[in-house]
Amino acid sequence: RRSVQTAKGIYSLLDVLTILSSNKF
């Protein structure tokens, strides 16, 4: 979903990818 076109969609994408790459589990 990297082609998302809304501000909310961009935040949701970046936020969850950041969590997946930095969580400790």
PDB file of all heavy atoms in Angstrom:
ATOM      1  N   ARG A   1       0.816  -1.202   0.000  1.00  0.00           N
ATOM      2  CA  ARG A   1       0.000   0.000   0.000  1.00  0.00           C
ATOM      3  C   ARG A   1       0.858   1.265   0.000  1.00  0.00           C
ATOM      4  O   ARG A   1       0.439   2.316   0.496  1.00  0.00           O
ATOM      5  CB  ARG A   1      -0.921   0.003   1.226  1.00  0.00           C
ATOM      6  CG  ARG A   1      -1.928  -1.136   1.268  1.00  0.00           C
ATOM      7  CD  ARG A   1      -2.851  -1.138   0.067  1.00  0.00           C
ATOM      8  NE  ARG A   1      -3.492   0.149  -0.107  1.00  0.00           N
ATOM      9  CZ  ARG A   1      -4.607   0.513   0.526  1.00  0.00           C
ATOM     10  NH1 ARG A   1      -5.213  -0.336   1.327  1.00  0.00           N
ATOM     11  NH2 ARG A   1      -5.123   1.705   0.341  1.00  0.00           N
ATOM     12  N   ARG A   2       2.035   1.174  -0.575  1.00  0.00           N
ATOM     13  CA  ARG A   2       2.937   2.337  -0.601  1.00  0.00           C
ATOM     14  C   ARG A   2       2.447   3.444  -1.506  1.00  0.00           C
ATOM     15  O   ARG A   2       2.968   4.552  -1.460  1.00  0.00           O
ATOM     16  CB  ARG A   2       4.333   1.897  -1.048  1.00  0.00           C
ATOM     17  CG  ARG A   2       5.088   1.106  -0.008  1.00  0.00           C
ATOM     18  CD  ARG A   2       6.359   0.515  -0.550  1.00  0.00           C
ATOM     19  NE  ARG A   2       6.090  -0.531  -1.514  1.00  0.00           N
ATOM     20  CZ  ARG A   2       7.028  -1.306  -2.049  1.00  0.00           C
ATOM     21  NH1 ARG A   2       8.293  -1.126  -1.715  1.00  0.00           N
ATOM     22  NH2 ARG A   2       6.720  -2.246  -2.916  1.00  0.00           N
ATOM     23  N   SER A   3       1.434   3.177  -2.318  1.00  0.00           N
ATOM     24  CA  SER A   3       0.903   4.203  -3.214  1.00  0.00           C
ATOM     25  C   SER A   3      -0.238   4.990  -2.582  1.00  0.00           C
ATOM     26  O   SER A   3      -0.997   5.641  -3.287  1.00  0.00           O
ATOM     27  CB  SER A   3       0.414   3.552  -4.512  1.00  0.00           C
ATOM     28  OG  SER A   3      -0.592   2.586  -4.232  1.00  0.00           O
ATOM     29  N   VAL A   4      -0.382   4.922  -1.269  1.00  0.00           N
ATOM     30  CA  VAL A   4      -1.469   5.626  -0.568  1.00  0.00           C
ATOM     31  C   VAL A   4      -1.402   7.124  -0.869  1.00  0.00           C
ATOM     32  O   VAL A   4      -0.320   7.692  -1.037  1.00  0.00           O
ATOM     33  CB  VAL A   4      -1.388   5.335   0.945  1.00  0.00           C
ATOM     34  CG1 VAL A   4      -0.090   5.862   1.530  1.00  0.00           C
ATOM     35  CG2 VAL A   4      -2.575   5.908   1.675  1.00  0.00           C
ATOM     36  N   GLN A   5      -2.585   7.775  -0.922  1.00  0.00           N
ATOM     37  CA  GLN A   5      -2.646   9.159  -1.395  1.00  0.00           C
ATOM     38  C   GLN A   5      -3.235  10.136  -0.370  1.00  0.00           C
ATOM     39  O   GLN A   5      -3.509  11.273  -0.725  1.00  0.00           O
ATOM     40  CB  GLN A   5      -3.503   9.228  -2.669  1.00  0.00           C
ATOM     41  CG  GLN A   5      -2.934   8.446  -3.840  1.00  0.00           C
ATOM     42  CD  GLN A   5      -1.644   9.040  -4.370  1.00  0.00           C
ATOM     43  OE1 GLN A   5      -1.517  10.263  -4.495  1.00  0.00           O
ATOM     44  NE2 GLN A   5      -0.673   8.196  -4.664  1.00  0.00           N
ATOM     45  N   THR A   6      -3.447   9.727   0.872  1.00  0.00           N
ATOM     46  CA  THR A   6      -4.018  10.622   1.884  1.00  0.00           C
ATOM     47  C   THR A   6      -3.043  10.791   3.038  1.00  0.00           C
ATOM     48  O   THR A   6      -2.192   9.925   3.290  1.00  0.00           O
ATOM     49  CB  THR A   6      -5.346  10.058   2.419  1.00  0.00           C
ATOM     50  OG1 THR A   6      -5.106   8.803   3.084  1.00  0.00           O
ATOM     51  CG2 THR A   6      -6.343   9.853   1.289  1.00  0.00           C
ATOM     52  N   ALA A   7      -3.195  11.909   3.764  1.00  0.00           N
ATOM     53  CA  ALA A   7      -2.316  12.181   4.901  1.00  0.00           C
ATOM     54  C   ALA A   7      -2.491  11.125   5.984  1.00  0.00           C
ATOM     55  O   ALA A   7      -1.512  10.643   6.569  1.00  0.00           O
ATOM     56  CB  ALA A   7      -2.612  13.578   5.448  1.00  0.00           C
ATOM     57  N   LYS A   8      -3.740  10.740   6.255  1.00  0.00           N
ATOM     58  CA  LYS A   8      -3.974   9.718   7.277  1.00  0.00           C
ATOM     59  C   LYS A   8      -3.373   8.380   6.852  1.00  0.00           C
ATOM     60  O   LYS A   8      -2.776   7.667   7.676  1.00  0.00           O
ATOM     61  CB  LYS A   8      -5.473   9.568   7.529  1.00  0.00           C
ATOM     62  CG  LYS A   8      -5.804   8.553   8.608  1.00  0.00           C
ATOM     63  CD  LYS A   8      -7.305   8.426   8.840  1.00  0.00           C
ATOM     64  CE  LYS A   8      -7.601   7.395   9.924  1.00  0.00           C
ATOM     65  NZ  LYS A   8      -9.054   7.226  10.164  1.00  0.00           N
ATOM     66  N   GLY A   9      -3.537   8.013   5.578  1.00  0.00           N
ATOM     67  CA  GLY A   9      -2.980   6.761   5.099  1.00  0.00           C
ATOM     68  C   GLY A   9      -1.460   6.742   5.189  1.00  0.00           C
ATOM     69  O   GLY A   9      -0.874   5.726   5.556  1.00  0.00           O
ATOM     70  N   ILE A  10      -0.828   7.858   4.864  1.00  0.00           N
ATOM     71  CA  ILE A  10       0.640   7.930   4.951  1.00  0.00           C
ATOM     72  C   ILE A  10       1.097   7.777   6.388  1.00  0.00           C
ATOM     73  O   ILE A  10       2.051   7.051   6.688  1.00  0.00           O
ATOM     74  CB  ILE A  10       1.136   9.253   4.342  1.00  0.00           C
ATOM     75  CG1 ILE A  10       0.900   9.246   2.820  1.00  0.00           C
ATOM     76  CG2 ILE A  10       2.605   9.488   4.656  1.00  0.00           C
ATOM     77  CD1 ILE A  10       1.207  10.564   2.158  1.00  0.00           C
ATOM     78  N   TYR A  11       0.422   8.467   7.316  1.00  0.00           N
ATOM     79  CA  TYR A  11       0.793   8.329   8.730  1.00  0.00           C
ATOM     80  C   TYR A  11       0.594   6.891   9.200  1.00  0.00           C
ATOM     81  O   TYR A  11       1.471   6.328   9.885  1.00  0.00           O
ATOM     82  CB  TYR A  11      -0.031   9.283   9.599  1.00  0.00           C
ATOM     83  CG  TYR A  11       0.015   8.896  11.058  1.00  0.00           C
ATOM     84  CD1 TYR A  11       1.183   9.045  11.798  1.00  0.00           C
ATOM     85  CD2 TYR A  11      -1.097   8.333  11.687  1.00  0.00           C
ATOM     86  CE1 TYR A  11       1.245   8.657  13.126  1.00  0.00           C
ATOM     87  CE2 TYR A  11      -1.048   7.948  13.012  1.00  0.00           C
ATOM     88  CZ  TYR A  11       0.125   8.104  13.722  1.00  0.00           C
ATOM     89  OH  TYR A  11       0.181   7.713  15.039  1.00  0.00           O
ATOM     90  N   SER A  12      -0.545   6.282   8.866  1.00  0.00           N
ATOM     91  CA  SER A  12      -0.805   4.905   9.291  1.00  0.00           C
ATOM     92  C   SER A  12       0.268   3.964   8.763  1.00  0.00           C
ATOM     93  O   SER A  12       0.772   3.094   9.491  1.00  0.00           O
ATOM     94  CB  SER A  12      -2.181   4.454   8.799  1.00  0.00           C
ATOM     95  OG  SER A  12      -3.210   5.267   9.331  1.00  0.00           O
ATOM     96  N   LEU A  13       0.660   4.139   7.502  1.00  0.00           N
ATOM     97  CA  LEU A  13       1.679   3.284   6.902  1.00  0.00           C
ATOM     98  C   LEU A  13       3.034   3.458   7.587  1.00  0.00           C
ATOM     99  O   LEU A  13       3.677   2.481   7.987  1.00  0.00           O
ATOM    100  CB  LEU A  13       1.793   3.603   5.407  1.00  0.00           C
ATOM    101  CG  LEU A  13       2.902   2.883   4.638  1.00  0.00           C
ATOM    102  CD1 LEU A  13       2.613   1.394   4.566  1.00  0.00           C
ATOM    103  CD2 LEU A  13       3.046   3.456   3.232  1.00  0.00           C
ATOM    104  N   LEU A  14       3.477   4.710   7.738  1.00  0.00           N
ATOM    105  CA  LEU A  14       4.787   4.964   8.338  1.00  0.00           C
ATOM    106  C   LEU A  14       4.825   4.547   9.805  1.00  0.00           C
ATOM    107  O   LEU A  14       5.831   4.008  10.286  1.00  0.00           O
ATOM    108  CB  LEU A  14       5.138   6.448   8.201  1.00  0.00           C
ATOM    109  CG  LEU A  14       5.353   6.961   6.769  1.00  0.00           C
ATOM    110  CD1 LEU A  14       5.530   8.467   6.774  1.00  0.00           C
ATOM    111  CD2 LEU A  14       6.561   6.288   6.137  1.00  0.00           C
ATOM    112  N   ASP A  15       3.724   4.794  10.522  1.00  0.00           N
ATOM    113  CA  ASP A  15       3.687   4.457  11.942  1.00  0.00           C
ATOM    114  C   ASP A  15       3.795   2.952  12.145  1.00  0.00           C
ATOM    115  O   ASP A  15       4.603   2.486  12.965  1.00  0.00           O
ATOM    116  CB  ASP A  15       2.393   4.997  12.560  1.00  0.00           C
ATOM    117  CG  ASP A  15       2.267   4.641  14.031  1.00  0.00           C
ATOM    118  OD1 ASP A  15       3.160   5.026  14.807  1.00  0.00           O
ATOM    119  OD2 ASP A  15       1.272   3.981  14.403  1.00  0.00           O
ATOM    120  N   VAL A  16       3.015   2.171  11.424  1.00  0.00           N
ATOM    121  CA  VAL A  16       3.031   0.728  11.654  1.00  0.00           C
ATOM    122  C   VAL A  16       4.343   0.111  11.165  1.00  0.00           C
ATOM    123  O   VAL A  16       4.866  -0.818  11.797  1.00  0.00           O
ATOM    124  CB  VAL A  16       1.803   0.076  10.991  1.00  0.00           C
ATOM    125  CG1 VAL A  16       1.926   0.045   9.472  1.00  0.00           C
ATOM    126  CG2 VAL A  16       1.567  -1.323  11.534  1.00  0.00           C
ATOM    127  N   LEU A  17       4.918   0.614  10.050  1.00  0.00           N
ATOM    128  CA  LEU A  17       6.211   0.084   9.598  1.00  0.00           C
ATOM    129  C   LEU A  17       7.323   0.424  10.587  1.00  0.00           C
ATOM    130  O   LEU A  17       8.239  -0.390  10.806  1.00  0.00           O
ATOM    131  CB  LEU A  17       6.546   0.633   8.211  1.00  0.00           C
ATOM    132  CG  LEU A  17       5.694   0.122   7.045  1.00  0.00           C
ATOM    133  CD1 LEU A  17       6.155   0.740   5.738  1.00  0.00           C
ATOM    134  CD2 LEU A  17       5.740  -1.402   6.958  1.00  0.00           C
ATOM    135  N   THR A  18       7.248   1.598  11.190  1.00  0.00           N
ATOM    136  CA  THR A  18       8.231   1.963  12.216  1.00  0.00           C
ATOM    137  C   THR A  18       8.125   1.035  13.414  1.00  0.00           C
ATOM    138  O   THR A  18       9.143   0.590  13.982  1.00  0.00           O
ATOM    139  CB  THR A  18       8.024   3.424  12.647  1.00  0.00           C
ATOM    140  OG1 THR A  18       8.163   4.276  11.512  1.00  0.00           O
ATOM    141  CG2 THR A  18       9.041   3.826  13.702  1.00  0.00           C
ATOM    142  N   ILE A  19       6.900   0.713  13.827  1.00  0.00           N
ATOM    143  CA  ILE A  19       6.705  -0.199  14.960  1.00  0.00           C
ATOM    144  C   ILE A  19       7.203  -1.594  14.622  1.00  0.00           C
ATOM    145  O   ILE A  19       7.880  -2.246  15.430  1.00  0.00           O
ATOM    146  CB  ILE A  19       5.209  -0.228  15.358  1.00  0.00           C
ATOM    147  CG1 ILE A  19       4.802   1.116  15.960  1.00  0.00           C
ATOM    148  CG2 ILE A  19       4.920  -1.354  16.339  1.00  0.00           C
ATOM    149  CD1 ILE A  19       3.319   1.255  16.213  1.00  0.00           C
ATOM    150  N   LEU A  20       6.914  -2.071  13.411  1.00  0.00           N
ATOM    151  CA  LEU A  20       7.363  -3.408  13.027  1.00  0.00           C
ATOM    152  C   LEU A  20       8.884  -3.506  12.950  1.00  0.00           C
ATOM    153  O   LEU A  20       9.442  -4.585  13.156  1.00  0.00           O
ATOM    154  CB  LEU A  20       6.758  -3.789  11.671  1.00  0.00           C
ATOM    155  CG  LEU A  20       5.249  -4.082  11.647  1.00  0.00           C
ATOM    156  CD1 LEU A  20       4.788  -4.376  10.230  1.00  0.00           C
ATOM    157  CD2 LEU A  20       4.900  -5.234  12.572  1.00  0.00           C
ATOM    158  N   SER A  21       9.554  -2.419  12.656  1.00  0.00           N
ATOM    159  CA  SER A  21      11.017  -2.464  12.520  1.00  0.00           C
ATOM    160  C   SER A  21      11.745  -2.151  13.817  1.00  0.00           C
ATOM    161  O   SER A  21      12.974  -2.290  13.874  1.00  0.00           O
ATOM    162  CB  SER A  21      11.469  -1.486  11.437  1.00  0.00           C
ATOM    163  OG  SER A  21      11.157  -0.154  11.802  1.00  0.00           O
ATOM    164  N   SER A  22      11.019  -1.717  14.861  1.00  0.00           N
ATOM    165  CA  SER A  22      11.703  -1.307  16.092  1.00  0.00           C
ATOM    166  C   SER A  22      11.191  -2.006  17.341  1.00  0.00           C
ATOM    167  O   SER A  22      11.718  -1.778  18.423  1.00  0.00           O
ATOM    168  CB  SER A  22      11.560   0.210  16.276  1.00  0.00           C
ATOM    169  OG  SER A  22      10.188   0.585  16.378  1.00  0.00           O
ATOM    170  N   ASN A  23      10.151  -2.848  17.228  1.00  0.00           N
ATOM    171  CA  ASN A  23       9.642  -3.510  18.438  1.00  0.00           C
ATOM    172  C   ASN A  23      10.624  -4.579  18.904  1.00  0.00           C
ATOM    173  O   ASN A  23      11.474  -5.041  18.132  1.00  0.00           O
ATOM    174  CB  ASN A  23       8.254  -4.096  18.172  1.00  0.00           C
ATOM    175  CG  ASN A  23       8.314  -5.352  17.323  1.00  0.00           C
ATOM    176  OD1 ASN A  23       8.438  -6.456  17.836  1.00  0.00           O
ATOM    177  ND2 ASN A  23       8.248  -5.178  16.000  1.00  0.00           N
ATOM    178  N   LYS A  24      10.475  -5.011  20.134  1.00  0.00           N
ATOM    179  CA  LYS A  24      11.429  -5.959  20.726  1.00  0.00           C
ATOM    180  C   LYS A  24      10.918  -7.397  20.724  1.00  0.00           C
ATOM    181  O   LYS A  24      11.517  -8.261  21.390  1.00  0.00           O
ATOM    182  CB  LYS A  24      11.760  -5.542  22.156  1.00  0.00           C
ATOM    183  CG  LYS A  24      10.564  -5.503  23.093  1.00  0.00           C
ATOM    184  CD  LYS A  24      10.987  -5.064  24.487  1.00  0.00           C
ATOM    185  CE  LYS A  24       9.800  -5.023  25.448  1.00  0.00           C
ATOM    186  NZ  LYS A  24      10.205  -4.585  26.809  1.00  0.00           N
ATOM    187  N   PHE A  25       9.845  -7.652  19.994  1.00  0.00           N
ATOM    188  CA  PHE A  25       9.272  -8.998  20.016  1.00  0.00           C
ATOM    189  C   PHE A  25       9.458  -9.738  18.696  1.00  0.00           C
ATOM    190  O   PHE A  25       9.962 -10.852  18.672  1.00  0.00           O
ATOM    191  CB  PHE A  25       7.777  -8.912  20.361  1.00  0.00           C
ATOM    192  CG  PHE A  25       7.485  -8.207  21.644  1.00  0.00           C
ATOM    193  CD1 PHE A  25       6.882  -6.958  21.644  1.00  0.00           C
ATOM    194  CD2 PHE A  25       7.831  -8.778  22.862  1.00  0.00           C
ATOM    195  CE1 PHE A  25       6.614  -6.303  22.830  1.00  0.00           C
ATOM    196  CE2 PHE A  25       7.558  -8.127  24.045  1.00  0.00           C
ATOM    197  CZ  PHE A  25       6.954  -6.877  24.035  1.00  0.00           C
TER     198      PHE A  25
END
